[in-house]
mmCIF file of all heavy atoms, coordinates in Angstrom:
data_MODEL
# 
_entry.id   MODEL 
# 
loop_
_atom_site.group_PDB 
_atom_site.id 
_atom_site.type_symbol 
_atom_site.label_atom_id 
_atom_site.label_alt_id 
_atom_site.label_comp_id 
_atom_site.label_asym_id 
_atom_site.label_entity_id 
_atom_site.label_seq_id 
_atom_site.pdbx_PDB_ins_code 
_atom_site.Cartn_x 
_atom_site.Cartn_y 
_atom_site.Cartn_z 
_atom_site.occupancy 
_atom_site.B_iso_or_equiv 
_atom_site.pdbx_formal_charge 
_atom_site.auth_seq_id 
_atom_site.auth_comp_id 
_atom_site.auth_asym_id 
_atom_site.auth_atom_id 
_atom_site.pdbx_PDB_model_num 
ATOM 1   N N   . SER A 1 1  ? 33.386 -12.856 -15.084 1.00 0.00 ? 1  SER A N   1 
ATOM 2   C CA  . SER A 1 1  ? 34.764 -12.616 -15.467 1.00 0.00 ? 1  SER A CA  1 
ATOM 3   C C   . SER A 1 1  ? 35.467 -11.688 -14.479 1.00 0.00 ? 1  SER A C   1 
ATOM 4   O O   . SER A 1 1  ? 34.808 -10.840 -13.914 1.00 0.00 ? 1  SER A O   1 
ATOM 5   C CB  . SER A 1 1  ? 34.870 -11.985 -16.866 1.00 0.00 ? 1  SER A CB  1 
ATOM 6   O OG  . SER A 1 1  ? 34.381 -12.879 -17.844 1.00 0.00 ? 1  SER A OG  1 
ATOM 7   N N   . LEU A 1 2  ? 36.714 -11.867 -14.304 1.00 0.00 ? 2  LEU A N   1 
ATOM 8   C CA  . LEU A 1 2  ? 37.557 -10.944 -13.569 1.00 0.00 ? 2  LEU A CA  1 
ATOM 9   C C   . LEU A 1 2  ? 38.280 -9.999  -14.552 1.00 0.00 ? 2  LEU A C   1 
ATOM 10  O O   . LEU A 1 2  ? 38.905 -10.502 -15.511 1.00 0.00 ? 2  LEU A O   1 
ATOM 11  C CB  . LEU A 1 2  ? 38.565 -11.630 -12.661 1.00 0.00 ? 2  LEU A CB  1 
ATOM 12  C CG  . LEU A 1 2  ? 38.011 -12.624 -11.648 1.00 0.00 ? 2  LEU A CG  1 
ATOM 13  C CD1 . LEU A 1 2  ? 39.143 -13.170 -10.756 1.00 0.00 ? 2  LEU A CD1 1 
ATOM 14  C CD2 . LEU A 1 2  ? 36.960 -11.983 -10.779 1.00 0.00 ? 2  LEU A CD2 1 
ATOM 15  N N   . TRP A 1 3  ? 38.177 -8.706  -14.371 1.00 0.00 ? 3  TRP A N   1 
ATOM 16  C CA  . TRP A 1 3  ? 38.850 -7.770  -15.236 1.00 0.00 ? 3  TRP A CA  1 
ATOM 17  C C   . TRP A 1 3  ? 40.040 -7.168  -14.441 1.00 0.00 ? 3  TRP A C   1 
ATOM 18  O O   . TRP A 1 3  ? 39.847 -6.561  -13.394 1.00 0.00 ? 3  TRP A O   1 
ATOM 19  C CB  . TRP A 1 3  ? 37.888 -6.610  -15.583 1.00 0.00 ? 3  TRP A CB  1 
ATOM 20  C CG  . TRP A 1 3  ? 36.677 -7.013  -16.335 1.00 0.00 ? 3  TRP A CG  1 
ATOM 21  C CD1 . TRP A 1 3  ? 35.749 -7.943  -15.976 1.00 0.00 ? 3  TRP A CD1 1 
ATOM 22  C CD2 . TRP A 1 3  ? 36.255 -6.539  -17.594 1.00 0.00 ? 3  TRP A CD2 1 
ATOM 23  N NE1 . TRP A 1 3  ? 34.751 -8.036  -16.915 1.00 0.00 ? 3  TRP A NE1 1 
ATOM 24  C CE2 . TRP A 1 3  ? 35.021 -7.179  -17.930 1.00 0.00 ? 3  TRP A CE2 1 
ATOM 25  C CE3 . TRP A 1 3  ? 36.742 -5.574  -18.516 1.00 0.00 ? 3  TRP A CE3 1 
ATOM 26  C CZ2 . TRP A 1 3  ? 34.343 -6.913  -19.102 1.00 0.00 ? 3  TRP A CZ2 1 
ATOM 27  C CZ3 . TRP A 1 3  ? 36.013 -5.302  -19.648 1.00 0.00 ? 3  TRP A CZ3 1 
ATOM 28  C CH2 . TRP A 1 3  ? 34.844 -5.968  -19.960 1.00 0.00 ? 3  TRP A CH2 1 
ATOM 29  N N   . LEU A 1 4  ? 41.233 -7.431  -14.965 1.00 0.00 ? 4  LEU A N   1 
ATOM 30  C CA  . LEU A 1 4  ? 42.438 -6.915  -14.324 1.00 0.00 ? 4  LEU A CA  1 
ATOM 31  C C   . LEU A 1 4  ? 42.893 -5.693  -15.071 1.00 0.00 ? 4  LEU A C   1 
ATOM 32  O O   . LEU A 1 4  ? 43.308 -5.775  -16.252 1.00 0.00 ? 4  LEU A O   1 
ATOM 33  C CB  . LEU A 1 4  ? 43.546 -7.984  -14.256 1.00 0.00 ? 4  LEU A CB  1 
ATOM 34  C CG  . LEU A 1 4  ? 43.301 -9.165  -13.257 1.00 0.00 ? 4  LEU A CG  1 
ATOM 35  C CD1 . LEU A 1 4  ? 42.929 -8.652  -11.870 1.00 0.00 ? 4  LEU A CD1 1 
ATOM 36  C CD2 . LEU A 1 4  ? 42.273 -10.126 -13.747 1.00 0.00 ? 4  LEU A CD2 1 
ATOM 37  N N   . LEU A 1 5  ? 42.830 -4.532  -14.432 1.00 0.00 ? 5  LEU A N   1 
ATOM 38  C CA  . LEU A 1 5  ? 43.045 -3.262  -15.084 1.00 0.00 ? 5  LEU A CA  1 
ATOM 39  C C   . LEU A 1 5  ? 44.346 -2.639  -14.578 1.00 0.00 ? 5  LEU A C   1 
ATOM 40  O O   . LEU A 1 5  ? 44.755 -2.817  -13.424 1.00 0.00 ? 5  LEU A O   1 
ATOM 41  C CB  . LEU A 1 5  ? 41.903 -2.294  -14.783 1.00 0.00 ? 5  LEU A CB  1 
ATOM 42  C CG  . LEU A 1 5  ? 40.497 -2.835  -14.958 1.00 0.00 ? 5  LEU A CG  1 
ATOM 43  C CD1 . LEU A 1 5  ? 39.491 -1.762  -14.540 1.00 0.00 ? 5  LEU A CD1 1 
ATOM 44  C CD2 . LEU A 1 5  ? 40.260 -3.258  -16.373 1.00 0.00 ? 5  LEU A CD2 1 
ATOM 45  N N   . PRO A 1 6  ? 45.010 -1.775  -15.442 1.00 0.00 ? 6  PRO A N   1 
ATOM 46  C CA  . PRO A 1 6  ? 46.140 -1.013  -14.916 1.00 0.00 ? 6  PRO A CA  1 
ATOM 47  C C   . PRO A 1 6  ? 45.739 -0.120  -13.780 1.00 0.00 ? 6  PRO A C   1 
ATOM 48  O O   . PRO A 1 6  ? 44.627 0.452   -13.820 1.00 0.00 ? 6  PRO A O   1 
ATOM 49  C CB  . PRO A 1 6  ? 46.572 -0.204  -16.151 1.00 0.00 ? 6  PRO A CB  1 
ATOM 50  C CG  . PRO A 1 6  ? 46.020 -0.946  -17.316 1.00 0.00 ? 6  PRO A CG  1 
ATOM 51  C CD  . PRO A 1 6  ? 44.720 -1.500  -16.835 1.00 0.00 ? 6  PRO A CD  1 
ATOM 52  N N   . SER A 1 7  ? 46.559 -0.022  -12.764 1.00 0.00 ? 7  SER A N   1 
ATOM 53  C CA  . SER A 1 7  ? 46.185 0.788   -11.575 1.00 0.00 ? 7  SER A CA  1 
ATOM 54  C C   . SER A 1 7  ? 46.091 2.250   -11.894 1.00 0.00 ? 7  SER A C   1 
ATOM 55  O O   . SER A 1 7  ? 46.950 2.798   -12.645 1.00 0.00 ? 7  SER A O   1 
ATOM 56  C CB  . SER A 1 7  ? 47.167 0.502   -10.444 1.00 0.00 ? 7  SER A CB  1 
ATOM 57  O OG  . SER A 1 7  ? 48.477 0.842   -10.854 1.00 0.00 ? 7  SER A OG  1 
ATOM 58  N N   . SER A 1 8  ? 45.147 2.917   -11.314 1.00 0.00 ? 8  SER A N   1 
ATOM 59  C CA  . SER A 1 8  ? 44.969 4.380   -11.493 1.00 0.00 ? 8  SER A CA  1 
ATOM 60  C C   . SER A 1 8  ? 45.411 5.145   -10.282 1.00 0.00 ? 8  SER A C   1 
ATOM 61  O O   . SER A 1 8  ? 45.529 6.358   -10.306 1.00 0.00 ? 8  SER A O   1 
ATOM 62  C CB  . SER A 1 8  ? 43.495 4.696   -11.807 1.00 0.00 ? 8  SER A CB  1 
ATOM 63  O OG  . SER A 1 8  ? 42.677 4.262   -10.774 1.00 0.00 ? 8  SER A OG  1 
ATOM 64  N N   . ALA A 1 9  ? 45.655 4.414   -9.143  1.00 0.00 ? 9  ALA A N   1 
ATOM 65  C CA  . ALA A 1 9  ? 46.013 5.062   -7.896  1.00 0.00 ? 9  ALA A CA  1 
ATOM 66  C C   . ALA A 1 9  ? 46.699 4.045   -7.024  1.00 0.00 ? 9  ALA A C   1 
ATOM 67  O O   . ALA A 1 9  ? 46.397 2.849   -7.115  1.00 0.00 ? 9  ALA A O   1 
ATOM 68  C CB  . ALA A 1 9  ? 44.796 5.683   -7.204  1.00 0.00 ? 9  ALA A CB  1 
ATOM 69  N N   . PRO A 1 10 ? 47.598 4.445   -6.149  1.00 0.00 ? 10 PRO A N   1 
ATOM 70  C CA  . PRO A 1 10 ? 48.201 3.507   -5.227  1.00 0.00 ? 10 PRO A CA  1 
ATOM 71  C C   . PRO A 1 10 ? 47.205 2.898   -4.312  1.00 0.00 ? 10 PRO A C   1 
ATOM 72  O O   . PRO A 1 10 ? 46.156 3.501   -3.981  1.00 0.00 ? 10 PRO A O   1 
ATOM 73  C CB  . PRO A 1 10 ? 49.213 4.367   -4.437  1.00 0.00 ? 10 PRO A CB  1 
ATOM 74  C CG  . PRO A 1 10 ? 49.382 5.640   -5.246  1.00 0.00 ? 10 PRO A CG  1 
ATOM 75  C CD  . PRO A 1 10 ? 48.095 5.834   -5.970  1.00 0.00 ? 10 PRO A CD  1 
ATOM 76  N N   . LYS A 1 11 ? 47.397 1.665   -3.928  1.00 0.00 ? 11 LYS A N   1 
ATOM 77  C CA  . LYS A 1 11 ? 46.504 0.997   -2.981  1.00 0.00 ? 11 LYS A CA  1 
ATOM 78  C C   . LYS A 1 11 ? 46.872 1.429   -1.566  1.00 0.00 ? 11 LYS A C   1 
ATOM 79  O O   . LYS A 1 11 ? 47.974 1.209   -1.081  1.00 0.00 ? 11 LYS A O   1 
ATOM 80  C CB  . LYS A 1 11 ? 46.610 -0.519  -3.075  1.00 0.00 ? 11 LYS A CB  1 
ATOM 81  C CG  . LYS A 1 11 ? 45.507 -1.234  -2.313  1.00 0.00 ? 11 LYS A CG  1 
ATOM 82  C CD  . LYS A 1 11 ? 45.590 -2.739  -2.538  1.00 0.00 ? 11 LYS A CD  1 
ATOM 83  C CE  . LYS A 1 11 ? 44.349 -3.445  -1.999  1.00 0.00 ? 11 LYS A CE  1 
ATOM 84  N NZ  . LYS A 1 11 ? 43.919 -3.009  -0.656  1.00 0.00 ? 11 LYS A NZ  1 
ATOM 85  N N   . THR A 1 12 ? 45.917 2.085   -0.907  1.00 0.00 ? 12 THR A N   1 
ATOM 86  C CA  . THR A 1 12 ? 46.168 2.625   0.443   1.00 0.00 ? 12 THR A CA  1 
ATOM 87  C C   . THR A 1 12 ? 45.212 2.082   1.462   1.00 0.00 ? 12 THR A C   1 
ATOM 88  O O   . THR A 1 12 ? 45.404 2.315   2.662   1.00 0.00 ? 12 THR A O   1 
ATOM 89  C CB  . THR A 1 12 ? 46.056 4.159   0.455   1.00 0.00 ? 12 THR A CB  1 
ATOM 90  O OG1 . THR A 1 12 ? 44.737 4.541   -0.017  1.00 0.00 ? 12 THR A OG1 1 
ATOM 91  C CG2 . THR A 1 12 ? 47.147 4.789   -0.497  1.00 0.00 ? 12 THR A CG2 1 
ATOM 92  N N   . ALA A 1 13 ? 44.173 1.386   1.078   1.00 0.00 ? 13 ALA A N   1 
ATOM 93  C CA  . ALA A 1 13 ? 43.183 0.870   2.042   1.00 0.00 ? 13 ALA A CA  1 
ATOM 94  C C   . ALA A 1 13 ? 42.541 -0.380  1.473   1.00 0.00 ? 13 ALA A C   1 
ATOM 95  O O   . ALA A 1 13 ? 42.712 -0.717  0.278   1.00 0.00 ? 13 ALA A O   1 
ATOM 96  C CB  . ALA A 1 13 ? 42.112 1.960   2.275   1.00 0.00 ? 13 ALA A CB  1 
ATOM 97  N N   . LYS A 1 14 ? 41.837 -1.071  2.339   1.00 0.00 ? 14 LYS A N   1 
ATOM 98  C CA  . LYS A 1 14 ? 41.158 -2.347  1.955   1.00 0.00 ? 14 LYS A CA  1 
ATOM 99  C C   . LYS A 1 14 ? 40.168 -2.002  0.833   1.00 0.00 ? 14 LYS A C   1 
ATOM 100 O O   . LYS A 1 14 ? 39.458 -0.995  0.857   1.00 0.00 ? 14 LYS A O   1 
ATOM 101 C CB  . LYS A 1 14 ? 40.423 -2.892  3.135   1.00 0.00 ? 14 LYS A CB  1 
ATOM 102 C CG  . LYS A 1 14 ? 39.574 -4.140  2.894   1.00 0.00 ? 14 LYS A CG  1 
ATOM 103 C CD  . LYS A 1 14 ? 38.925 -4.616  4.163   1.00 0.00 ? 14 LYS A CD  1 
ATOM 104 C CE  . LYS A 1 14 ? 38.053 -5.822  3.901   1.00 0.00 ? 14 LYS A CE  1 
ATOM 105 N NZ  . LYS A 1 14 ? 36.837 -5.526  3.132   1.00 0.00 ? 14 LYS A NZ  1 
ATOM 106 N N   . ASN A 1 15 ? 40.095 -2.887  -0.159  1.00 0.00 ? 15 ASN A N   1 
ATOM 107 C CA  . ASN A 1 15 ? 39.121 -2.692  -1.254  1.00 0.00 ? 15 ASN A CA  1 
ATOM 108 C C   . ASN A 1 15 ? 37.691 -2.789  -0.722  1.00 0.00 ? 15 ASN A C   1 
ATOM 109 O O   . ASN A 1 15 ? 37.390 -3.531  0.227   1.00 0.00 ? 15 ASN A O   1 
ATOM 110 C CB  . ASN A 1 15 ? 39.298 -3.802  -2.338  1.00 0.00 ? 15 ASN A CB  1 
ATOM 111 C CG  . ASN A 1 15 ? 40.511 -3.572  -3.185  1.00 0.00 ? 15 ASN A CG  1 
ATOM 112 O OD1 . ASN A 1 15 ? 41.213 -2.567  -3.073  1.00 0.00 ? 15 ASN A OD1 1 
ATOM 113 N ND2 . ASN A 1 15 ? 40.797 -4.537  -4.033  1.00 0.00 ? 15 ASN A ND2 1 
ATOM 114 N N   . ARG A 1 16 ? 36.794 -2.069  -1.411  1.00 0.00 ? 16 ARG A N   1 
ATOM 115 C CA  . ARG A 1 16 ? 35.381 -2.205  -1.065  1.00 0.00 ? 16 ARG A CA  1 
ATOM 116 C C   . ARG A 1 16 ? 34.765 -3.490  -1.479  1.00 0.00 ? 16 ARG A C   1 
ATOM 117 O O   . ARG A 1 16 ? 33.797 -4.001  -0.911  1.00 0.00 ? 16 ARG A O   1 
ATOM 118 C CB  . ARG A 1 16 ? 34.640 -1.039  -1.736  1.00 0.00 ? 16 ARG A CB  1 
ATOM 119 C CG  . ARG A 1 16 ? 33.174 -0.892  -1.356  1.00 0.00 ? 16 ARG A CG  1 
ATOM 120 C CD  . ARG A 1 16 ? 32.590 0.363   -2.019  1.00 0.00 ? 16 ARG A CD  1 
ATOM 121 N NE  . ARG A 1 16 ? 31.239 0.650   -1.555  1.00 0.00 ? 16 ARG A NE  1 
ATOM 122 C CZ  . ARG A 1 16 ? 30.172 0.387   -2.237  1.00 0.00 ? 16 ARG A CZ  1 
ATOM 123 N NH1 . ARG A 1 16 ? 30.223 -0.206  -3.414  1.00 0.00 ? 16 ARG A NH1 1 
ATOM 124 N NH2 . ARG A 1 16 ? 28.968 0.724   -1.754  1.00 0.00 ? 16 ARG A NH2 1 
ATOM 125 N N   . ILE A 1 17 ? 35.358 -4.099  -2.536  1.00 0.00 ? 17 ILE A N   1 
ATOM 126 C CA  . ILE A 1 17 ? 34.895 -5.398  -3.066  1.00 0.00 ? 17 ILE A CA  1 
ATOM 127 C C   . ILE A 1 17 ? 35.962 -6.409  -2.877  1.00 0.00 ? 17 ILE A C   1 
ATOM 128 O O   . ILE A 1 17 ? 37.167 -6.165  -3.149  1.00 0.00 ? 17 ILE A O   1 
ATOM 129 C CB  . ILE A 1 17 ? 34.538 -5.280  -4.550  1.00 0.00 ? 17 ILE A CB  1 
ATOM 130 C CG1 . ILE A 1 17 ? 33.441 -4.227  -4.771  1.00 0.00 ? 17 ILE A CG1 1 
ATOM 131 C CG2 . ILE A 1 17 ? 34.103 -6.619  -5.151  1.00 0.00 ? 17 ILE A CG2 1 
ATOM 132 C CD1 . ILE A 1 17 ? 33.167 -3.934  -6.234  1.00 0.00 ? 17 ILE A CD1 1 
ATOM 133 N N   . HIS A 1 18 ? 35.589 -7.584  -2.390  1.00 0.00 ? 18 HIS A N   1 
ATOM 134 C CA  . HIS A 1 18 ? 36.564 -8.697  -2.346  1.00 0.00 ? 18 HIS A CA  1 
ATOM 135 C C   . HIS A 1 18 ? 35.877 -9.997  -2.757  1.00 0.00 ? 18 HIS A C   1 
ATOM 136 O O   . HIS A 1 18 ? 34.669 -10.104 -2.804  1.00 0.00 ? 18 HIS A O   1 
ATOM 137 C CB  . HIS A 1 18 ? 37.216 -8.800  -1.000  1.00 0.00 ? 18 HIS A CB  1 
ATOM 138 C CG  . HIS A 1 18 ? 36.361 -9.366  0.084   1.00 0.00 ? 18 HIS A CG  1 
ATOM 139 N ND1 . HIS A 1 18 ? 35.606 -8.565  0.882   1.00 0.00 ? 18 HIS A ND1 1 
ATOM 140 C CD2 . HIS A 1 18 ? 36.101 -10.645 0.480   1.00 0.00 ? 18 HIS A CD2 1 
ATOM 141 C CE1 . HIS A 1 18 ? 34.931 -9.339  1.759   1.00 0.00 ? 18 HIS A CE1 1 
ATOM 142 N NE2 . HIS A 1 18 ? 35.233 -10.610 1.535   1.00 0.00 ? 18 HIS A NE2 1 
ATOM 143 N N   . LEU A 1 19 ? 36.677 -11.020 -3.028  1.00 0.00 ? 19 LEU A N   1 
ATOM 144 C CA  . LEU A 1 19 ? 36.205 -12.316 -3.434  1.00 0.00 ? 19 LEU A CA  1 
ATOM 145 C C   . LEU A 1 19 ? 36.363 -13.294 -2.294  1.00 0.00 ? 19 LEU A C   1 
ATOM 146 O O   . LEU A 1 19 ? 37.337 -13.275 -1.556  1.00 0.00 ? 19 LEU A O   1 
ATOM 147 C CB  . LEU A 1 19 ? 37.007 -12.856 -4.618  1.00 0.00 ? 19 LEU A CB  1 
ATOM 148 C CG  . LEU A 1 19 ? 37.077 -11.950 -5.866  1.00 0.00 ? 19 LEU A CG  1 
ATOM 149 C CD1 . LEU A 1 19 ? 37.875 -12.623 -6.978  1.00 0.00 ? 19 LEU A CD1 1 
ATOM 150 C CD2 . LEU A 1 19 ? 35.698 -11.591 -6.390  1.00 0.00 ? 19 LEU A CD2 1 
ATOM 151 N N   . ASP A 1 20 ? 35.308 -14.140 -2.113  1.00 0.00 ? 20 ASP A N   1 
ATOM 152 C CA  . ASP A 1 20 ? 35.357 -15.226 -1.146  1.00 0.00 ? 20 ASP A CA  1 
ATOM 153 C C   . ASP A 1 20 ? 35.508 -16.540 -1.937  1.00 0.00 ? 20 ASP A C   1 
ATOM 154 O O   . ASP A 1 20 ? 34.683 -16.828 -2.790  1.00 0.00 ? 20 ASP A O   1 
ATOM 155 C CB  . ASP A 1 20 ? 34.043 -15.323 -0.325  1.00 0.00 ? 20 ASP A CB  1 
ATOM 156 C CG  . ASP A 1 20 ? 34.089 -14.379 0.851   1.00 0.00 ? 20 ASP A CG  1 
ATOM 157 O OD1 . ASP A 1 20 ? 35.127 -13.719 1.099   1.00 0.00 ? 20 ASP A OD1 1 
ATOM 158 O OD2 . ASP A 1 20 ? 33.038 -14.266 1.536   1.00 0.00 ? 20 ASP A OD2 1 
ATOM 159 N N   . LEU A 1 21 ? 36.535 -17.296 -1.638  1.00 0.00 ? 21 LEU A N   1 
ATOM 160 C CA  . LEU A 1 21 ? 36.754 -18.578 -2.300  1.00 0.00 ? 21 LEU A CA  1 
ATOM 161 C C   . LEU A 1 21 ? 36.214 -19.700 -1.473  1.00 0.00 ? 21 LEU A C   1 
ATOM 162 O O   . LEU A 1 21 ? 36.288 -19.653 -0.204  1.00 0.00 ? 21 LEU A O   1 
ATOM 163 C CB  . LEU A 1 21 ? 38.279 -18.819 -2.556  1.00 0.00 ? 21 LEU A CB  1 
ATOM 164 C CG  . LEU A 1 21 ? 38.860 -18.202 -3.831  1.00 0.00 ? 21 LEU A CG  1 
ATOM 165 C CD1 . LEU A 1 21 ? 38.643 -16.709 -3.907  1.00 0.00 ? 21 LEU A CD1 1 
ATOM 166 C CD2 . LEU A 1 21 ? 40.347 -18.569 -3.933  1.00 0.00 ? 21 LEU A CD2 1 
ATOM 167 N N   . ALA A 1 22 ? 35.607 -20.704 -2.105  1.00 0.00 ? 22 ALA A N   1 
ATOM 168 C CA  . ALA A 1 22 ? 35.042 -21.848 -1.373  1.00 0.00 ? 22 ALA A CA  1 
ATOM 169 C C   . ALA A 1 22 ? 36.205 -22.670 -0.755  1.00 0.00 ? 22 ALA A C   1 
ATOM 170 O O   . ALA A 1 22 ? 37.242 -22.869 -1.398  1.00 0.00 ? 22 ALA A O   1 
ATOM 171 C CB  . ALA A 1 22 ? 34.246 -22.736 -2.326  1.00 0.00 ? 22 ALA A CB  1 
ATOM 172 N N   . GLY A 1 23 ? 35.972 -23.107 0.488   1.00 0.00 ? 23 GLY A N   1 
ATOM 173 C CA  . GLY A 1 23 ? 37.011 -23.859 1.236   1.00 0.00 ? 23 GLY A CA  1 
ATOM 174 C C   . GLY A 1 23 ? 36.969 -25.287 1.137   1.00 0.00 ? 23 GLY A C   1 
ATOM 175 O O   . GLY A 1 23 ? 37.729 -26.035 1.763   1.00 0.00 ? 23 GLY A O   1 
ATOM 176 N N   . GLY A 1 24 ? 36.014 -25.856 0.305   1.00 0.00 ? 24 GLY A N   1 
ATOM 177 C CA  . GLY A 1 24 ? 35.922 -27.286 0.154   1.00 0.00 ? 24 GLY A CA  1 
ATOM 178 C C   . GLY A 1 24 ? 35.104 -27.961 1.235   1.00 0.00 ? 24 GLY A C   1 
ATOM 179 O O   . GLY A 1 24 ? 34.283 -27.321 1.923   1.00 0.00 ? 24 GLY A O   1 
ATOM 180 N N   . ALA A 1 25 ? 35.340 -29.246 1.427   1.00 0.00 ? 25 ALA A N   1 
ATOM 181 C CA  . ALA A 1 25 ? 34.483 -30.074 2.285   1.00 0.00 ? 25 ALA A CA  1 
ATOM 182 C C   . ALA A 1 25 ? 34.968 -30.150 3.732   1.00 0.00 ? 25 ALA A C   1 
ATOM 183 O O   . ALA A 1 25 ? 34.186 -30.476 4.633   1.00 0.00 ? 25 ALA A O   1 
ATOM 184 C CB  . ALA A 1 25 ? 34.368 -31.484 1.754   1.00 0.00 ? 25 ALA A CB  1 
ATOM 185 N N   . ASP A 1 26 ? 36.245 -29.856 3.955   1.00 0.00 ? 26 ASP A N   1 
ATOM 186 C CA  . ASP A 1 26 ? 36.738 -29.964 5.333   1.00 0.00 ? 26 ASP A CA  1 
ATOM 187 C C   . ASP A 1 26 ? 37.966 -29.042 5.506   1.00 0.00 ? 26 ASP A C   1 
ATOM 188 O O   . ASP A 1 26 ? 38.375 -28.370 4.557   1.00 0.00 ? 26 ASP A O   1 
ATOM 189 C CB  . ASP A 1 26 ? 37.094 -31.400 5.691   1.00 0.00 ? 26 ASP A CB  1 
ATOM 190 C CG  . ASP A 1 26 ? 38.082 -32.039 4.734   1.00 0.00 ? 26 ASP A CG  1 
ATOM 191 O OD1 . ASP A 1 26 ? 39.019 -31.369 4.273   1.00 0.00 ? 26 ASP A OD1 1 
ATOM 192 O OD2 . ASP A 1 26 ? 37.908 -33.256 4.421   1.00 0.00 ? 26 ASP A OD2 1 
ATOM 193 N N   . ALA A 1 27 ? 38.526 -29.043 6.709   1.00 0.00 ? 27 ALA A N   1 
ATOM 194 C CA  . ALA A 1 27 ? 39.629 -28.107 7.021   1.00 0.00 ? 27 ALA A CA  1 
ATOM 195 C C   . ALA A 1 27 ? 40.852 -28.415 6.127   1.00 0.00 ? 27 ALA A C   1 
ATOM 196 O O   . ALA A 1 27 ? 41.617 -27.485 5.830   1.00 0.00 ? 27 ALA A O   1 
ATOM 197 C CB  . ALA A 1 27 ? 39.993 -28.243 8.501   1.00 0.00 ? 27 ALA A CB  1 
ATOM 198 N N   . ARG A 1 28 ? 41.057 -29.681 5.767   1.00 0.00 ? 28 ARG A N   1 
ATOM 199 C CA  . ARG A 1 28 ? 42.185 -30.006 4.936   1.00 0.00 ? 28 ARG A CA  1 
ATOM 200 C C   . ARG A 1 28 ? 42.014 -29.392 3.550   1.00 0.00 ? 28 ARG A C   1 
ATOM 201 O O   . ARG A 1 28 ? 43.023 -28.913 2.932   1.00 0.00 ? 28 ARG A O   1 
ATOM 202 C CB  . ARG A 1 28 ? 42.347 -31.501 4.844   1.00 0.00 ? 28 ARG A CB  1 
ATOM 203 C CG  . ARG A 1 28 ? 42.863 -32.154 6.121   1.00 0.00 ? 28 ARG A CG  1 
ATOM 204 C CD  . ARG A 1 28 ? 42.944 -33.638 5.935   1.00 0.00 ? 28 ARG A CD  1 
ATOM 205 N NE  . ARG A 1 28 ? 41.637 -34.221 5.694   1.00 0.00 ? 28 ARG A NE  1 
ATOM 206 C CZ  . ARG A 1 28 ? 41.357 -35.530 5.509   1.00 0.00 ? 28 ARG A CZ  1 
ATOM 207 N NH1 . ARG A 1 28 ? 42.411 -36.397 5.525   1.00 0.00 ? 28 ARG A NH1 1 
ATOM 208 N NH2 . ARG A 1 28 ? 40.146 -35.945 5.336   1.00 0.00 ? 28 ARG A NH2 1 
# 
């Protein structure tokens, strides 16, 4: 599950955790 929480601080830098989405079978 993804938990979307109210922000506790402004975003100032890249997150330590990120998601990679599958790109499918080809460039299209």
